[in-house]
């Protein structure tokens, strides 16, 4: 790092280090392979999602968003944070891309996408995975 680095470059480096640290922690934990939440089962290594005994076909990006939220149950992520983590590049606006993927994801995993149980909207802030759902292996 030099004095000539921009704030954006410094921030990207910090986020990269934090992401690497999170990957190391996740790799070392047996509990992170499968996540289960009241009828929704996510297998990180097989990259499968099962809802009420039916496998749900997700795109790469939908799976990454779901995994990010489910692994951080209850934590609110802004659209910018989701974009930065999933697309692995800086966010430059265009709120619709994240919202569109969340909408498609809800259509596939929710009984009623207009009243979502799993992926909740925190108005004015972003999205979170429902902290009140039981989780386990």
Foldseek 3Di string as FASTA:
>chain_A
DDPPDDPVRVVLVVVVVVVVVVVVVLVPDPFLQWKDWDQWIAGPVVRWIGGNNRTFDDDLLLSLLLSVQRVVAPDFDALQRSCCVRVVDGDDDDSPVSVVSLLVSLVGHAPDSVDRQAWDADPPGGIHGHNPTDMGD
